[in-house]
C-alpha atoms as a PDB file:
ATOM      1  CA  MET A   1       0.670 -30.658  35.367  1.00  0.00           C
ATOM      2  CA  PRO A   2       0.133 -27.663  35.348  1.00  0.00           C
ATOM      3  CA  ALA A   3      -0.283 -25.753  31.790  1.00  0.00           C
ATOM      4  CA  SER A   4       1.889 -23.336  30.686  1.00  0.00           C
ATOM      5  CA  SER A   5       1.690 -19.671  31.270  1.00  0.00           C
ATOM      6  CA  LYS A   6       4.308 -18.551  28.726  1.00  0.00           C
ATOM      7  CA  GLU A   7       2.909 -16.200  25.984  1.00  0.00           C
ATOM      8  CA  PRO A   8       2.588 -17.627  22.809  1.00  0.00           C
ATOM      9  CA  SER A   9       4.756 -15.314  20.522  1.00  0.00           C
ATOM     10  CA  PRO A  10       3.635 -12.522  18.689  1.00  0.00           C
ATOM     11  CA  GLN A  11       2.789 -13.123  15.159  1.00  0.00           C
ATOM     12  CA  PRO A  12       5.048 -12.342  12.612  1.00  0.00           C
ATOM     13  CA  GLU A  13       4.575  -9.003  10.204  1.00  0.00           C
ATOM     14  CA  PHE A  14       5.044  -8.855   7.146  1.00  0.00           C
ATOM     15  CA  TYR A  15       4.832  -5.096   5.193  1.00  0.00           C
ATOM     16  CA  ILE A  16       3.507  -5.101   1.840  1.00  0.00           C
ATOM     17  CA  VAL A  17       2.934  -1.288   0.413  1.00  0.00           C
ATOM     18  CA  VAL A  18       0.870  -0.956  -1.743  1.00  0.00           C
ATOM     19  CA  ASP A  19      -0.698   1.914  -4.571  1.00  0.00           C
ATOM     20  CA  ILE A  20      -3.013   2.490  -6.186  1.00  0.00           C
ATOM     21  CA  GLU A  21      -4.345   4.628  -8.935  1.00  0.00           C
ATOM     22  CA  ALA A  22      -8.329   5.629  -9.380  1.00  0.00           C
ATOM     23  CA  SER A  23     -10.497   7.428 -11.513  1.00  0.00           C
ATOM     24  CA  GLY A  24     -11.617   9.864  -8.944  1.00  0.00           C
ATOM     25  CA  PRO A  25     -11.623  10.168  -5.158  1.00  0.00           C
ATOM     26  CA  ASN A  26     -13.665   7.299  -3.215  1.00  0.00           C
ATOM     27  CA  PRO A  27     -14.613   3.746  -4.650  1.00  0.00           C
ATOM     28  CA  SER A  28     -18.509   4.533  -4.449  1.00  0.00           C
ATOM     29  CA  ASN A  29     -18.378   7.041  -7.530  1.00  0.00           C
ATOM     30  CA  TYR A  30     -15.370   6.205  -9.648  1.00  0.00           C
ATOM     31  CA  ALA A  31     -13.222   2.889 -10.351  1.00  0.00           C
ATOM     32  CA  MET A  32      -9.742   1.668  -9.330  1.00  0.00           C
ATOM     33  CA  LEU A  33      -8.002   1.643 -12.509  1.00  0.00           C
ATOM     34  CA  SER A  34      -4.611  -0.085 -10.892  1.00  0.00           C
ATOM     35  CA  ILE A  35      -2.605  -1.977  -8.339  1.00  0.00           C
ATOM     36  CA  GLY A  36       1.019  -1.810  -7.808  1.00  0.00           C
ATOM     37  CA  ALA A  37       2.127  -3.670  -4.417  1.00  0.00           C
ATOM     38  CA  CYS A  38       5.810  -5.027  -3.136  1.00  0.00           C
ATOM     39  CA  THR A  39       7.294  -6.895  -0.427  1.00  0.00           C
ATOM     40  CA  LEU A  40       9.411  -4.209   1.505  1.00  0.00           C
ATOM     41  CA  ASP A  41      12.382  -6.819   2.239  1.00  0.00           C
ATOM     42  CA  GLU A  42      14.803  -7.514  -0.833  1.00  0.00           C
ATOM     43  CA  PRO A  43      15.009  -9.252  -3.119  1.00  0.00           C
ATOM     44  CA  ARG A  44      12.166  -7.309  -4.007  1.00  0.00           C
ATOM     45  CA  CYS A  45       8.624  -9.624  -5.158  1.00  0.00           C
ATOM     46  CA  THR A  46       5.739  -7.235  -6.939  1.00  0.00           C
ATOM     47  CA  PHE A  47       2.529  -7.130  -8.809  1.00  0.00           C
ATOM     48  CA  TYR A  48       0.690  -5.226 -11.145  1.00  0.00           C
ATOM     49  CA  VAL A  49      -2.556  -4.868 -12.445  1.00  0.00           C
ATOM     50  CA  GLU A  50      -4.772  -2.829 -14.532  1.00  0.00           C
ATOM     51  CA  LEU A  51      -8.987  -3.197 -14.549  1.00  0.00           C
ATOM     52  CA  GLN A  52     -11.641  -2.334 -15.855  1.00  0.00           C
ATOM     53  CA  PRO A  53     -13.275   0.358 -14.680  1.00  0.00           C
ATOM     54  CA  ASP A  54     -16.554  -1.010 -12.824  1.00  0.00           C
ATOM     55  CA  LYS A  55     -17.809   3.016 -12.899  1.00  0.00           C
ATOM     56  CA  ASP A  56     -18.870   5.171 -15.811  1.00  0.00           C
ATOM     57  CA  ASP A  57     -17.591   8.164 -13.874  1.00  0.00           C
ATOM     58  CA  TYR A  58     -13.724   9.768 -14.106  1.00  0.00           C
ATOM     59  CA  LEU A  59     -12.615  12.868 -13.321  1.00  0.00           C
ATOM     60  CA  GLU A  60     -10.388  14.716 -15.794  1.00  0.00           C
ATOM     61  CA  GLU A  61      -7.793  15.635 -13.247  1.00  0.00           C
ATOM     62  CA  SER A  62      -7.376  12.137 -12.025  1.00  0.00           C
ATOM     63  CA  MET A  63      -6.838  10.816 -15.624  1.00  0.00           C
ATOM     64  CA  LYS A  64      -4.421  13.551 -16.166  1.00  0.00           C
ATOM     65  CA  THR A  65      -2.283  12.680 -12.888  1.00  0.00           C
ATOM     66  CA  ASN A  66      -2.232   8.826 -13.610  1.00  0.00           C
ATOM     67  CA  GLN A  67      -2.137   9.030 -17.384  1.00  0.00           C
ATOM     68  CA  LEU A  68      -4.036   5.974 -17.857  1.00  0.00           C
ATOM     69  CA  SER A  69      -6.567   5.385 -20.694  1.00  0.00           C
ATOM     70  CA  PHE A  70     -10.169   4.842 -19.263  1.00  0.00           C
ATOM     71  CA  GLU A  71     -11.168   3.686 -22.931  1.00  0.00           C
ATOM     72  CA  ALA A  72      -8.290   1.404 -23.021  1.00  0.00           C
ATOM     73  CA  LEU A  73      -8.777  -0.431 -20.011  1.00  0.00           C
ATOM     74  CA  ARG A  74     -12.497  -0.854 -20.629  1.00  0.00           C
ATOM     75  CA  GLN A  75     -11.186  -3.217 -23.499  1.00  0.00           C
ATOM     76  CA  GLU A  76      -7.506  -4.127 -22.174  1.00  0.00           C
ATOM     77  CA  GLY A  77      -8.217  -4.251 -17.895  1.00  0.00           C
ATOM     78  CA  LEU A  78      -9.005  -7.438 -16.036  1.00  0.00           C
ATOM     79  CA  PRO A  79     -12.355  -7.630 -15.045  1.00  0.00           C
ATOM     80  CA  PRO A  80     -12.365  -6.217 -11.430  1.00  0.00           C
ATOM     81  CA  LYS A  81     -13.399  -9.445  -9.830  1.00  0.00           C
ATOM     82  CA  ILE A  82     -10.417 -11.509 -11.495  1.00  0.00           C
ATOM     83  CA  ALA A  83      -7.858  -8.704 -10.939  1.00  0.00           C
ATOM     84  CA  MET A  84      -8.596  -9.645  -7.330  1.00  0.00           C
ATOM     85  CA  GLN A  85      -8.324 -12.821  -7.357  1.00  0.00           C
ATOM     86  CA  GLN A  86      -5.486 -12.893  -8.572  1.00  0.00           C
ATOM     87  CA  PHE A  87      -4.039  -9.910  -5.908  1.00  0.00           C
ATOM     88  CA  ALA A  88      -5.695 -12.313  -3.100  1.00  0.00           C
ATOM     89  CA  SER A  89      -3.315 -15.029  -4.455  1.00  0.00           C
ATOM     90  CA  TRP A  90      -0.331 -13.234  -4.980  1.00  0.00           C
ATOM     91  CA  VAL A  91      -0.423 -11.739  -0.942  1.00  0.00           C
ATOM     92  CA  GLN A  92      -1.801 -15.592  -0.059  1.00  0.00           C
ATOM     93  CA  GLY A  93       1.755 -17.032  -2.207  1.00  0.00           C
ATOM     94  CA  ILE A  94       4.378 -14.471  -1.001  1.00  0.00           C
ATOM     95  CA  LEU A  95       3.117 -14.668   2.585  1.00  0.00           C
ATOM     96  CA  PRO A  96       5.648 -16.308   5.080  1.00  0.00           C
ATOM     97  CA  GLU A  97       4.372 -18.967   6.864  1.00  0.00           C
ATOM     98  CA  GLY A  98       2.231 -17.906  10.198  1.00  0.00           C
ATOM     99  CA  ALA A  99       2.674 -14.269   9.076  1.00  0.00           C
ATOM    100  CA  ARG A 100       0.449 -11.693   8.709  1.00  0.00           C
ATOM    101  CA  PRO A 101       0.119  -8.995   5.641  1.00  0.00           C
ATOM    102  CA  ILE A 102       0.670  -5.479   6.981  1.00  0.00           C
ATOM    103  CA  PHE A 103      -0.887  -3.131   4.452  1.00  0.00           C
ATOM    104  CA  THR A 104       1.333  -0.431   4.116  1.00  0.00           C
ATOM    105  CA  ALA A 105       1.005   2.610   2.288  1.00  0.00           C
ATOM    106  CA  PHE A 106       1.695   6.456   1.688  1.00  0.00           C
ATOM    107  CA  ASN A 107      -1.751   8.429   2.523  1.00  0.00           C
ATOM    108  CA  ALA A 108      -2.695   4.562   3.134  1.00  0.00           C
ATOM    109  CA  PRO A 109      -6.743   6.099   3.615  1.00  0.00           C
ATOM    110  CA  PHE A 110      -6.809   6.329   0.388  1.00  0.00           C
ATOM    111  CA  ASP A 111      -5.383   3.398  -0.938  1.00  0.00           C
ATOM    112  CA  TRP A 112      -7.211   1.263   1.395  1.00  0.00           C
ATOM    113  CA  MET A 113     -10.819   2.491   1.142  1.00  0.00           C
ATOM    114  CA  PHE A 114     -10.297   1.239  -2.579  1.00  0.00           C
ATOM    115  CA  ILE A 115      -8.687  -1.923  -1.663  1.00  0.00           C
ATOM    116  CA  ASN A 116     -11.093  -2.940   0.784  1.00  0.00           C
ATOM    117  CA  ASP A 117     -14.079  -1.669  -0.906  1.00  0.00           C
ATOM    118  CA  TYR A 118     -12.833  -4.020  -4.214  1.00  0.00           C
ATOM    119  CA  PHE A 119     -11.858  -7.163  -1.934  1.00  0.00           C
ATOM    120  CA  HIS A 120     -15.270  -7.171   0.083  1.00  0.00           C
ATOM    121  CA  ARG A 121     -17.621  -6.238  -3.118  1.00  0.00           C
ATOM    122  CA  TYR A 122     -16.140  -8.902  -5.617  1.00  0.00           C
ATOM    123  CA  LEU A 123     -14.453 -11.760  -2.878  1.00  0.00           C
ATOM    124  CA  GLY A 124     -16.452 -11.394   0.211  1.00  0.00           C
ATOM    125  CA  GLN A 125     -13.307 -10.924   2.253  1.00  0.00           C
ATOM    126  CA  ASN A 126      -9.670  -8.994   2.764  1.00  0.00           C
ATOM    127  CA  PRO A 127      -6.448 -10.905   3.329  1.00  0.00           C
ATOM    128  CA  PHE A 128      -5.366  -7.676   4.588  1.00  0.00           C
ATOM    129  CA  GLY A 129      -7.938  -7.838   7.895  1.00  0.00           C
ATOM    130  CA  HIS A 130      -9.477  -4.514   8.934  1.00  0.00           C
ATOM    131  CA  SER A 131      -6.203  -2.020   9.263  1.00  0.00           C
ATOM    132  CA  ALA A 132      -3.766  -0.594   7.437  1.00  0.00           C
ATOM    133  CA  LEU A 133      -0.235   1.455   8.510  1.00  0.00           C
ATOM    134  CA  ASP A 134       0.048   4.698   6.962  1.00  0.00           C
ATOM    135  CA  ILE A 135       3.548   5.886   6.723  1.00  0.00           C
ATOM    136  CA  LYS A 136       3.097   9.623   6.259  1.00  0.00           C
ATOM    137  CA  ALA A 137       1.318   8.906   9.999  1.00  0.00           C
ATOM    138  CA  PHE A 138       4.316   6.957  10.879  1.00  0.00           C
ATOM    139  CA  TYR A 139       6.660   9.747   9.450  1.00  0.00           C
ATOM    140  CA  MET A 140       4.936  12.178  11.930  1.00  0.00           C
ATOM    141  CA  GLY A 141       5.406   9.820  14.956  1.00  0.00           C
ATOM    142  CA  LEU A 142       9.138   9.420  13.953  1.00  0.00           C
ATOM    143  CA  ARG A 143      10.237  12.607  13.353  1.00  0.00           C
ATOM    144  CA  GLY A 144       7.341  14.411  16.156  1.00  0.00           C
ATOM    145  CA  VAL A 145       6.593  17.074  12.513  1.00  0.00           C
ATOM    146  CA  SER A 146       3.040  18.788  11.893  1.00  0.00           C
ATOM    147  CA  TRP A 147       0.734  16.710   9.384  1.00  0.00           C
ATOM    148  CA  ARG A 148       1.525  19.526   6.247  1.00  0.00           C
ATOM    149  CA  GLU A 149       5.219  18.194   6.360  1.00  0.00           C
ATOM    150  CA  THR A 150       5.043  14.362   5.691  1.00  0.00           C
ATOM    151  CA  ALA A 151       4.188  15.333   1.854  1.00  0.00           C
ATOM    152  CA  HIS A 152       5.882  13.777  -0.774  1.00  0.00           C
ATOM    153  CA  LYS A 153       7.650  16.738  -1.674  1.00  0.00           C
ATOM    154  CA  ASN A 154       9.043  16.701   1.645  1.00  0.00           C
ATOM    155  CA  ILE A 155       9.704  13.348   2.742  1.00  0.00           C
ATOM    156  CA  ASP A 156      10.959  12.080  -0.690  1.00  0.00           C
ATOM    157  CA  SER A 157      13.913  14.346  -0.381  1.00  0.00           C
ATOM    158  CA  LYS A 158      15.139  13.271   3.015  1.00  0.00           C
ATOM    159  CA  TYR A 159      14.637   9.477   1.881  1.00  0.00           C
ATOM    160  CA  ILE A 160      14.518   8.761  -1.617  1.00  0.00           C
ATOM    161  CA  LYS A 161      16.331  11.975  -3.247  1.00  0.00           C
ATOM    162  CA  LYS A 162      13.034  11.793  -6.048  1.00  0.00           C
ATOM    163  CA  LYS A 163      11.988  14.654  -6.966  1.00  0.00           C
ATOM    164  CA  GLU A 164       8.038  13.767  -7.949  1.00  0.00           C
ATOM    165  CA  LEU A 165       5.897  10.298  -8.499  1.00  0.00           C
ATOM    166  CA  THR A 166       5.197   8.870 -12.093  1.00  0.00           C
ATOM    167  CA  HIS A 167       1.692   8.130 -10.560  1.00  0.00           C
ATOM    168  CA  HIS A 168       2.213   4.775 -11.739  1.00  0.00           C
ATOM    169  CA  ALA A 169       0.904   1.624  -9.044  1.00  0.00           C
ATOM    170  CA  LEU A 170       3.514  -0.589  -8.884  1.00  0.00           C
ATOM    171  CA  SER A 171       6.732   2.376  -9.271  1.00  0.00           C
ATOM    172  CA  ASP A 172       5.365   4.328  -6.917  1.00  0.00           C
ATOM    173  CA  ALA A 173       4.723   1.058  -4.643  1.00  0.00           C
ATOM    174  CA  MET A 174       8.754   0.796  -4.891  1.00  0.00           C
ATOM    175  CA  ASP A 175       9.166   3.734  -4.137  1.00  0.00           C
ATOM    176  CA  GLU A 176       7.177   4.656  -1.074  1.00  0.00           C
ATOM    177  CA  ALA A 177       8.767   0.992   0.456  1.00  0.00           C
ATOM    178  CA  ASP A 178      12.660   2.836   0.178  1.00  0.00           C
ATOM    179  CA  ILE A 179      11.297   5.352   1.946  1.00  0.00           C
ATOM    180  CA  PHE A 180       9.216   3.172   4.267  1.00  0.00           C
ATOM    181  CA  GLN A 181      12.427   0.703   4.506  1.00  0.00           C
ATOM    182  CA  ALA A 182      14.336   4.051   5.251  1.00  0.00           C
ATOM    183  CA  MET A 183      11.918   4.950   8.258  1.00  0.00           C
ATOM    184  CA  LEU A 184      12.171   1.573  10.013  1.00  0.00           C
ATOM    185  CA  ALA A 185      15.669   1.893  10.159  1.00  0.00           C
ATOM    186  CA  GLU A 186      15.555   5.312  11.247  1.00  0.00           C
ATOM    187  CA  ALA A 187      13.316   4.021  13.962  1.00  0.00           C
ATOM    188  CA  LYS A 188      15.430   1.208  15.056  1.00  0.00           C
ATOM    189  CA  GLN A 189      18.644   3.340  15.304  1.00  0.00           C
ATOM    190  CA  LYS A 190      16.807   5.784  17.508  1.00  0.00           C
ATOM    191  CA  GLY A 191      15.492   3.093  19.672  1.00  0.00           C
ATOM    192  CA  MET A 192      19.244   1.929  20.378  1.00  0.00           C
ATOM    193  CA  GLN A 193      20.496   5.037  20.796  1.00  0.00           C
ATOM    194  CA  GLU A 194      17.504   5.796  23.868  1.00  0.00           C
ATOM    195  CA  GLU A 195      18.346   2.452  25.590  1.00  0.00           C
ATOM    196  CA  GLU A 196      22.308   3.330  25.480  1.00  0.00           C
ATOM    197  CA  GLU A 197      20.909   6.759  27.209  1.00  0.00           C
END
């Protein structure tokens, strides 16, 4: 009997929106201090952890933005390896069977470089694989706008009517999930209209 030529069904994609706060602009010199994550669909599953700094340097501007205490995190934050183990376990625990987790973030290169570095440095692997989805870039394609028009202040007013982020990793991740969910609905609607034309 000849083998079936039917292609296998595509692997389901499961969006997980992630936001991090850090003591500076890169993981080579600065520490990741908190991770917030949530699923895209309701009811949302959420994850939040604060980490012990694994670097001593920090920028005053970064700490003023994230409103975390470097000294308190040294005492109360989770060791990075344990924090990343907990995050990896959470991802696997909420992932539907057979689905692929899609790391999704607003200005994803920033959040991704810290998450990817910490996963590989402390666990030797990243459950998200080697790619990420950037909400800002998605918006550029959706609306046909320039990069400068993808700032939070421009996008928030169109989707969530919120004036500014709290810079708390979980709160921001949930706001960004709301934004991306609205963008996906808009993209779907545009696709339906194009099919009708």
